[in-house]
Amino acid sequence: MSNEKSLVPVQPKSMTIAMLLAFFLNAGGFYAAGLKKGAMLFFGCWIASLLLQQVSLYLMPLVSIASLYITYSWVKEHNSGVATA
């Protein structure tokens, strides 16, 4: 593959949008990393919340916190790649 520039300019992603999607919908991964990784995060959070629901409802916010952290790290990684390009 050649190192030609993309026809579509790559823009930094908004951390605010990513965090809102991750917190309320557990769908920040779709915004941060695309379809494949986003779907893995979404279904992973869904399964984890179903399992934690059986243990205690008070543990379920841990799933949102994990989703927030993973989405934050993916957006930070994306934005650092855009800044260096």
Protein backbone atom coordinates (compact mmCIF):
# COMPACT_ATOMS: atom_id res chain seq x y z
CA MET A 1 0.00 0.00 0.00
CA SER A 2 1.17 3.49 -0.68
CA ASN A 3 1.29 6.27 1.87
CA GLU A 4 -1.06 8.54 -0.07
CA LYS A 5 -3.32 10.85 1.83
CA SER A 6 -6.94 9.89 2.23
CA LEU A 7 -9.50 11.63 0.04
CA VAL A 8 -11.64 12.22 3.12
CA PRO A 9 -9.91 14.39 5.72
CA VAL A 10 -9.78 12.72 9.13
CA GLN A 11 -11.15 14.94 11.86
CA PRO A 12 -10.66 14.66 15.61
CA LYS A 13 -13.63 13.15 17.40
CA SER A 14 -15.56 15.01 20.05
CA MET A 15 -14.87 13.65 23.54
CA THR A 16 -18.19 15.07 24.80
CA ILE A 17 -20.27 13.20 22.23
CA ALA A 18 -18.37 9.99 22.87
CA MET A 19 -18.84 10.21 26.64
CA LEU A 20 -22.58 10.94 26.37
CA LEU A 21 -23.08 8.00 24.03
CA ALA A 22 -21.03 5.73 26.26
CA PHE A 23 -22.80 6.73 29.47
CA PHE A 24 -26.41 6.74 28.33
CA LEU A 25 -26.46 4.14 25.56
CA ASN A 26 -23.25 2.13 25.99
CA ALA A 27 -22.80 2.94 22.31
CA GLY A 28 -19.77 5.20 22.50
CA GLY A 29 -17.66 2.47 20.93
CA PHE A 30 -19.51 2.84 17.62
CA TYR A 31 -18.58 6.51 17.54
CA ALA A 32 -15.05 6.00 18.82
CA ALA A 33 -13.84 2.93 16.94
CA GLY A 34 -16.29 1.99 14.24
CA LEU A 35 -18.69 -0.86 13.68
CA LYS A 36 -16.66 -3.96 14.55
CA LYS A 37 -15.05 -2.83 17.80
CA GLY A 38 -18.13 -0.81 18.72
CA ALA A 39 -20.38 -3.85 18.36
CA MET A 40 -18.02 -5.93 20.49
CA LEU A 41 -18.09 -3.30 23.24
CA PHE A 42 -21.87 -2.88 23.02
CA PHE A 43 -22.64 -6.59 23.25
CA GLY A 44 -19.96 -7.08 25.91
CA CYS A 45 -21.58 -4.38 28.05
CA TRP A 46 -25.01 -5.85 27.40
CA ILE A 47 -23.94 -9.33 28.53
CA ALA A 48 -22.05 -7.94 31.53
CA SER A 49 -25.10 -5.95 32.62
CA LEU A 50 -27.30 -9.04 32.33
CA LEU A 51 -24.87 -11.03 34.48
CA LEU A 52 -24.45 -8.28 37.06
CA GLN A 53 -28.21 -7.86 37.23
CA GLN A 54 -28.41 -11.41 38.60
CA VAL A 55 -25.87 -10.61 41.33
CA SER A 56 -26.93 -7.12 42.41
CA LEU A 57 -28.54 -4.12 40.77
CA TYR A 58 -26.08 -1.89 42.60
CA LEU A 59 -23.19 -3.28 40.53
CA MET A 60 -24.72 -2.40 37.18
CA PRO A 61 -23.24 1.14 37.05
CA LEU A 62 -19.85 -0.56 36.80
CA VAL A 63 -20.75 -1.52 33.22
CA SER A 64 -21.31 2.13 32.30
CA ILE A 65 -18.06 3.12 33.97
CA ALA A 66 -16.18 0.44 32.03
CA SER A 67 -17.83 1.58 28.79
CA LEU A 68 -16.86 5.18 29.54
CA TYR A 69 -13.25 4.24 30.18
CA ILE A 70 -12.90 2.11 27.05
CA THR A 71 -14.58 4.75 24.87
CA TYR A 72 -12.39 7.48 26.37
CA SER A 73 -9.22 5.52 25.64
CA TRP A 74 -10.32 4.78 22.03
CA VAL A 75 -11.18 8.43 21.32
CA LYS A 76 -7.93 9.59 22.91
CA GLU A 77 -6.00 7.09 20.75
CA HIS A 78 -7.84 8.23 17.61
CA ASN A 79 -7.29 11.92 18.32
CA SER A 80 -3.59 11.42 19.03
CA GLY A 81 -3.26 9.62 15.67
CA VAL A 82 -5.02 12.49 13.90
CA ALA A 83 -2.77 15.04 15.58
CA THR A 84 0.40 13.28 14.42
CA ALA A 85 -0.82 12.72 10.84
